[in-house]
Amino acid sequence: MSAFLGLDLHDLGAAVTASLGLMGLVRPDAAAAFTHVRPSGAVGVSEIRATYGGFFLALGAYALWTQAPLAFTTAGVAWAGAAAGRLVSVFVDRSTSATNAGGVVFEAAVAALLLFG
């Protein structure tokens, strides 16, 4: 496998996933700002912690822990799905911002690390 800073590239993609999840879990305000989402009340903060926190942390950590090819593939497909969903928004919602373009590139890059690393 290819490596970067001592990590296999698929491990790097999983580490990015887990790190973003950790941010969502312990710093939901930072995760909300990073994703441009505004939680509504305590339930909204819970949603940030659950979805951007626990979900991403578990997804990335499980791949790192098990080193199972299917775990990396599943995480990669999820990131590719996020990039595809954002592309749909670019065209359907006419949301052609630099933020969305950067999001597509970032999500596709993490997907590529996980799928082809």
N, C-alpha and C. Protein backbone atom coordinates (compact mmCIF):
# COMPACT_ATOMS: atom_id res chain seq x y z
N MET A 1 0.82 -1.19 0.00
CA MET A 1 0.00 0.00 0.00
C MET A 1 0.87 1.26 0.00
N SER A 2 0.36 2.30 -0.59
CA SER A 2 1.04 3.57 -0.57
C SER A 2 0.95 4.16 0.84
N ALA A 3 1.94 4.97 1.19
CA ALA A 3 1.96 5.52 2.54
C ALA A 3 2.21 7.02 2.51
N PHE A 4 1.74 7.68 3.56
CA PHE A 4 1.94 9.10 3.76
C PHE A 4 2.13 9.30 5.26
N LEU A 5 3.25 9.86 5.66
CA LEU A 5 3.57 10.07 7.08
C LEU A 5 3.46 8.78 7.88
N GLY A 6 3.85 7.68 7.27
CA GLY A 6 3.83 6.40 7.97
C GLY A 6 2.50 5.69 7.98
N LEU A 7 1.47 6.30 7.42
CA LEU A 7 0.14 5.68 7.37
C LEU A 7 -0.13 5.20 5.95
N ASP A 8 -0.73 4.02 5.82
CA ASP A 8 -1.23 3.63 4.51
C ASP A 8 -2.32 4.63 4.14
N LEU A 9 -2.50 4.89 2.86
CA LEU A 9 -3.44 5.93 2.44
C LEU A 9 -4.87 5.62 2.89
N HIS A 10 -5.26 4.35 2.87
CA HIS A 10 -6.62 4.05 3.34
C HIS A 10 -6.72 4.33 4.85
N ASP A 11 -5.62 4.11 5.60
CA ASP A 11 -5.62 4.46 7.02
C ASP A 11 -5.74 5.97 7.21
N LEU A 12 -5.10 6.74 6.33
CA LEU A 12 -5.20 8.20 6.40
C LEU A 12 -6.65 8.64 6.20
N GLY A 13 -7.33 8.04 5.21
CA GLY A 13 -8.75 8.37 5.00
C GLY A 13 -9.60 8.02 6.20
N ALA A 14 -9.33 6.87 6.82
CA ALA A 14 -10.08 6.47 8.01
C ALA A 14 -9.76 7.39 9.19
N ALA A 15 -8.50 7.82 9.29
CA ALA A 15 -8.12 8.72 10.37
C ALA A 15 -8.79 10.08 10.21
N VAL A 16 -8.89 10.57 8.98
CA VAL A 16 -9.61 11.83 8.72
C VAL A 16 -11.07 11.67 9.15
N THR A 17 -11.67 10.56 8.76
CA THR A 17 -13.07 10.29 9.11
C THR A 17 -13.26 10.27 10.62
N ALA A 18 -12.41 9.51 11.31
CA ALA A 18 -12.52 9.40 12.76
C ALA A 18 -12.24 10.74 13.44
N SER A 19 -11.27 11.49 12.93
CA SER A 19 -10.94 12.79 13.53
C SER A 19 -12.09 13.77 13.41
N LEU A 20 -12.72 13.81 12.25
CA LEU A 20 -13.87 14.68 12.09
C LEU A 20 -15.01 14.24 13.01
N GLY A 21 -15.15 12.93 13.17
CA GLY A 21 -16.16 12.41 14.09
C GLY A 21 -15.87 12.81 15.53
N LEU A 22 -14.61 12.73 15.92
CA LEU A 22 -14.24 13.14 17.27
C LEU A 22 -14.56 14.61 17.49
N MET A 23 -14.28 15.44 16.48
CA MET A 23 -14.62 16.86 16.58
C MET A 23 -16.13 17.02 16.76
N GLY A 24 -16.92 16.30 15.99
CA GLY A 24 -18.36 16.41 16.11
C GLY A 24 -18.88 15.97 17.45
N LEU A 25 -18.22 14.99 18.03
CA LEU A 25 -18.66 14.46 19.33
C LEU A 25 -18.31 15.40 20.47
N VAL A 26 -17.08 15.90 20.49
CA VAL A 26 -16.65 16.72 21.63
C VAL A 26 -16.78 18.22 21.39
N ARG A 27 -16.84 18.65 20.13
CA ARG A 27 -16.98 20.06 19.81
C ARG A 27 -18.08 20.25 18.76
N PRO A 28 -19.32 19.98 19.13
CA PRO A 28 -20.40 20.10 18.14
C PRO A 28 -20.51 21.49 17.54
N ASP A 29 -20.12 22.52 18.29
CA ASP A 29 -20.15 23.88 17.76
C ASP A 29 -19.16 24.03 16.60
N ALA A 30 -17.98 23.44 16.75
CA ALA A 30 -16.97 23.50 15.69
C ALA A 30 -17.41 22.68 14.48
N ALA A 31 -18.01 21.52 14.73
CA ALA A 31 -18.50 20.69 13.62
C ALA A 31 -19.62 21.41 12.87
N ALA A 32 -20.49 22.07 13.61
CA ALA A 32 -21.58 22.81 12.97
C ALA A 32 -21.03 23.94 12.10
N ALA A 33 -20.04 24.66 12.61
CA ALA A 33 -19.43 25.73 11.83
C ALA A 33 -18.72 25.17 10.60
N PHE A 34 -18.02 24.06 10.77
CA PHE A 34 -17.28 23.43 9.66
C PHE A 34 -18.23 22.99 8.55
N THR A 35 -19.41 22.50 8.92
CA THR A 35 -20.37 21.99 7.93
C THR A 35 -21.43 23.02 7.53
N HIS A 36 -21.38 24.19 8.11
CA HIS A 36 -22.35 25.25 7.82
C HIS A 36 -23.77 24.82 8.18
N VAL A 37 -23.90 24.07 9.28
CA VAL A 37 -25.19 23.61 9.78
C VAL A 37 -25.46 24.35 11.08
N ARG A 38 -26.69 24.79 11.28
CA ARG A 38 -27.05 25.46 12.52
C ARG A 38 -28.02 24.57 13.29
N PRO A 39 -27.56 23.98 14.40
CA PRO A 39 -28.46 23.14 15.18
C PRO A 39 -29.53 23.99 15.85
N SER A 40 -30.72 23.44 15.97
CA SER A 40 -31.82 24.12 16.63
C SER A 40 -32.01 23.51 18.01
N GLY A 41 -31.58 24.22 19.03
CA GLY A 41 -31.75 23.77 20.40
C GLY A 41 -30.89 22.57 20.77
N ALA A 42 -31.18 22.01 21.94
CA ALA A 42 -30.41 20.88 22.47
C ALA A 42 -30.54 19.64 21.59
N VAL A 43 -31.73 19.43 21.00
CA VAL A 43 -31.91 18.27 20.13
C VAL A 43 -31.06 18.42 18.87
N GLY A 44 -30.93 19.62 18.37
CA GLY A 44 -30.08 19.86 17.22
C GLY A 44 -28.62 19.59 17.52
N VAL A 45 -28.17 19.97 18.71
CA VAL A 45 -26.80 19.69 19.13
C VAL A 45 -26.61 18.18 19.26
N SER A 46 -27.62 17.49 19.79
CA SER A 46 -27.56 16.02 19.88
C SER A 46 -27.40 15.40 18.49
N GLU A 47 -28.09 15.96 17.52
CA GLU A 47 -27.99 15.45 16.15
C GLU A 47 -26.59 15.65 15.59
N ILE A 48 -25.97 16.78 15.88
CA ILE A 48 -24.59 17.02 15.45
C ILE A 48 -23.67 15.99 16.11
N ARG A 49 -23.82 15.80 17.42
CA ARG A 49 -22.98 14.83 18.13
C ARG A 49 -23.18 13.41 17.58
N ALA A 50 -24.42 13.05 17.28
CA ALA A 50 -24.71 11.70 16.81
C ALA A 50 -24.24 11.48 15.37
N THR A 51 -24.63 12.37 14.46
CA THR A 51 -24.36 12.17 13.04
C THR A 51 -22.94 12.56 12.66
N TYR A 52 -22.55 13.78 12.97
CA TYR A 52 -21.20 14.22 12.62
C TYR A 52 -20.17 13.72 13.61
N GLY A 53 -20.62 13.30 14.79
CA GLY A 53 -19.73 12.81 15.83
C GLY A 53 -19.64 11.31 15.86
N GLY A 54 -20.58 10.70 16.54
CA GLY A 54 -20.53 9.25 16.76
C GLY A 54 -20.48 8.44 15.49
N PHE A 55 -21.27 8.81 14.50
CA PHE A 55 -21.32 8.05 13.24
C PHE A 55 -19.96 8.06 12.54
N PHE A 56 -19.39 9.25 12.36
CA PHE A 56 -18.11 9.35 11.65
C PHE A 56 -16.96 8.77 12.48
N LEU A 57 -17.00 8.97 13.79
CA LEU A 57 -15.96 8.41 14.64
C LEU A 57 -15.99 6.89 14.56
N ALA A 58 -17.17 6.30 14.67
CA ALA A 58 -17.29 4.83 14.60
C ALA A 58 -16.88 4.31 13.23
N LEU A 59 -17.29 4.98 12.18
CA LEU A 59 -16.98 4.56 10.82
C LEU A 59 -15.47 4.52 10.59
N GLY A 60 -14.78 5.58 10.96
CA GLY A 60 -13.34 5.65 10.76
C GLY A 60 -12.57 4.77 11.72
N ALA A 61 -12.97 4.77 12.99
CA ALA A 61 -12.26 3.98 14.00
C ALA A 61 -12.39 2.49 13.74
N TYR A 62 -13.56 2.06 13.30
CA TYR A 62 -13.76 0.63 13.02
C TYR A 62 -12.84 0.18 11.89
N ALA A 63 -12.73 0.98 10.86
CA ALA A 63 -11.84 0.62 9.75
C ALA A 63 -10.39 0.55 10.23
N LEU A 64 -9.98 1.53 11.04
CA LEU A 64 -8.61 1.51 11.56
C LEU A 64 -8.37 0.32 12.47
N TRP A 65 -9.33 0.00 13.31
CA TRP A 65 -9.18 -1.06 14.29
C TRP A 65 -9.13 -2.44 13.63
N THR A 66 -10.07 -2.69 12.70
CA THR A 66 -10.16 -4.03 12.11
C THR A 66 -9.24 -4.22 10.92
N GLN A 67 -8.91 -3.13 10.24
CA GLN A 67 -8.14 -3.20 8.99
C GLN A 67 -8.85 -4.08 7.96
N ALA A 68 -10.16 -4.19 8.09
CA ALA A 68 -10.96 -5.01 7.17
C ALA A 68 -11.19 -4.25 5.87
N PRO A 69 -10.85 -4.86 4.73
CA PRO A 69 -11.07 -4.18 3.45
C PRO A 69 -12.51 -3.71 3.27
N LEU A 70 -13.48 -4.49 3.73
CA LEU A 70 -14.88 -4.08 3.58
C LEU A 70 -15.19 -2.83 4.40
N ALA A 71 -14.54 -2.66 5.54
CA ALA A 71 -14.76 -1.46 6.35
C ALA A 71 -14.26 -0.22 5.62
N PHE A 72 -13.07 -0.33 4.99
CA PHE A 72 -12.55 0.81 4.23
C PHE A 72 -13.43 1.08 3.01
N THR A 73 -13.90 0.03 2.35
CA THR A 73 -14.78 0.20 1.19
C THR A 73 -16.08 0.87 1.59
N THR A 74 -16.67 0.43 2.69
CA THR A 74 -17.93 1.01 3.16
C THR A 74 -17.75 2.49 3.46
N ALA A 75 -16.68 2.83 4.17
CA ALA A 75 -16.43 4.24 4.48
C ALA A 75 -16.19 5.04 3.20
N GLY A 76 -15.45 4.47 2.27
CA GLY A 76 -15.18 5.15 1.00
C GLY A 76 -16.44 5.39 0.19
N VAL A 77 -17.29 4.40 0.16
CA VAL A 77 -18.56 4.55 -0.57
C VAL A 77 -19.42 5.62 0.10
N ALA A 78 -19.40 5.67 1.42
CA ALA A 78 -20.17 6.70 2.13
C ALA A 78 -19.67 8.10 1.78
N TRP A 79 -18.33 8.29 1.76
CA TRP A 79 -17.77 9.59 1.38
C TRP A 79 -18.09 9.91 -0.09
N ALA A 80 -18.02 8.91 -0.96
CA ALA A 80 -18.37 9.14 -2.37
C ALA A 80 -19.83 9.54 -2.49
N GLY A 81 -20.68 8.93 -1.67
CA GLY A 81 -22.10 9.29 -1.67
C GLY A 81 -22.30 10.73 -1.23
N ALA A 82 -21.52 11.17 -0.25
CA ALA A 82 -21.61 12.57 0.19
C ALA A 82 -21.20 13.51 -0.94
N ALA A 83 -20.13 13.17 -1.65
CA ALA A 83 -19.69 14.00 -2.78
C ALA A 83 -20.75 14.03 -3.86
N ALA A 84 -21.35 12.87 -4.14
CA ALA A 84 -22.40 12.81 -5.17
C ALA A 84 -23.62 13.62 -4.75
N GLY A 85 -24.00 13.51 -3.49
CA GLY A 85 -25.14 14.30 -3.00
C GLY A 85 -24.89 15.78 -3.09
N ARG A 86 -23.67 16.17 -2.80
CA ARG A 86 -23.33 17.60 -2.92
C ARG A 86 -23.37 18.04 -4.37
N LEU A 87 -22.91 17.19 -5.29
CA LEU A 87 -22.97 17.52 -6.72
C LEU A 87 -24.42 17.68 -7.18
N VAL A 88 -25.30 16.82 -6.69
CA VAL A 88 -26.72 16.97 -7.01
C VAL A 88 -27.20 18.33 -6.56
N SER A 89 -26.82 18.74 -5.35
CA SER A 89 -27.22 20.05 -4.84
C SER A 89 -26.68 21.19 -5.69
N VAL A 90 -25.46 21.04 -6.18
CA VAL A 90 -24.87 22.08 -7.03
C VAL A 90 -25.77 22.32 -8.25
N PHE A 91 -26.26 21.24 -8.84
CA PHE A 91 -27.06 21.40 -10.06
C PHE A 91 -28.54 21.63 -9.78
N VAL A 92 -29.12 20.88 -8.87
CA VAL A 92 -30.56 21.00 -8.60
C VAL A 92 -30.86 22.29 -7.84
N ASP A 93 -30.07 22.58 -6.82
CA ASP A 93 -30.30 23.76 -6.00
C ASP A 93 -29.56 24.99 -6.50
N ARG A 94 -28.76 24.80 -7.55
CA ARG A 94 -27.94 25.88 -8.10
C ARG A 94 -27.04 26.49 -7.01
N SER A 95 -26.49 25.60 -6.20
CA SER A 95 -25.63 26.01 -5.08
C SER A 95 -24.17 25.93 -5.51
N THR A 96 -23.80 26.85 -6.38
CA THR A 96 -22.46 26.83 -6.98
C THR A 96 -21.52 27.77 -6.22
N SER A 97 -21.22 27.39 -4.98
CA SER A 97 -20.32 28.21 -4.17
C SER A 97 -18.95 27.56 -4.11
N ALA A 98 -17.97 28.35 -3.73
CA ALA A 98 -16.63 27.82 -3.52
C ALA A 98 -16.64 26.79 -2.40
N THR A 99 -17.50 27.00 -1.41
CA THR A 99 -17.62 26.05 -0.30
C THR A 99 -18.09 24.69 -0.81
N ASN A 100 -19.08 24.69 -1.68
CA ASN A 100 -19.56 23.42 -2.23
C ASN A 100 -18.52 22.77 -3.14
N ALA A 101 -17.83 23.56 -3.92
CA ALA A 101 -16.78 22.99 -4.78
C ALA A 101 -15.69 22.36 -3.92
N GLY A 102 -15.28 23.06 -2.87
CA GLY A 102 -14.29 22.51 -1.96
C GLY A 102 -14.78 21.26 -1.26
N GLY A 103 -16.07 21.26 -0.91
CA GLY A 103 -16.66 20.09 -0.27
C GLY A 103 -16.64 18.87 -1.17
N VAL A 104 -16.98 19.06 -2.43
CA VAL A 104 -16.95 17.95 -3.39
C VAL A 104 -15.52 17.40 -3.51
N VAL A 105 -14.56 18.29 -3.64
CA VAL A 105 -13.16 17.87 -3.78
C VAL A 105 -12.71 17.13 -2.52
N PHE A 106 -12.99 17.69 -1.35
CA PHE A 106 -12.59 17.07 -0.09
C PHE A 106 -13.24 15.69 0.08
N GLU A 107 -14.54 15.61 -0.12
CA GLU A 107 -15.25 14.34 0.06
C GLU A 107 -14.77 13.30 -0.95
N ALA A 108 -14.56 13.71 -2.18
CA ALA A 108 -14.06 12.77 -3.18
C ALA A 108 -12.63 12.32 -2.86
N ALA A 109 -11.83 13.23 -2.32
CA ALA A 109 -10.45 12.87 -1.96
C ALA A 109 -10.42 11.86 -0.82
N VAL A 110 -11.24 12.07 0.20
CA VAL A 110 -11.30 11.10 1.31
C VAL A 110 -11.82 9.77 0.79
N ALA A 111 -12.83 9.81 -0.07
CA ALA A 111 -13.34 8.57 -0.67
C ALA A 111 -12.23 7.84 -1.42
N ALA A 112 -11.45 8.57 -2.20
CA ALA A 112 -10.37 7.95 -2.97
C ALA A 112 -9.32 7.33 -2.05
N LEU A 113 -8.97 8.03 -0.97
CA LEU A 113 -8.02 7.46 -0.02
C LEU A 113 -8.52 6.13 0.52
N LEU A 114 -9.80 6.10 0.89
CA LEU A 114 -10.37 4.89 1.49
C LEU A 114 -10.54 3.77 0.47
N LEU A 115 -10.91 4.13 -0.75
CA LEU A 115 -11.20 3.11 -1.75
C LEU A 115 -9.96 2.62 -2.49
N PHE A 116 -9.00 3.50 -2.71
CA PHE A 116 -7.86 3.14 -3.56
C PHE A 116 -6.52 3.19 -2.83
N GLY A 117 -6.53 3.60 -1.53
CA GLY A 117 -5.30 3.74 -0.77
C GLY A 117 -4.62 2.49 -0.58
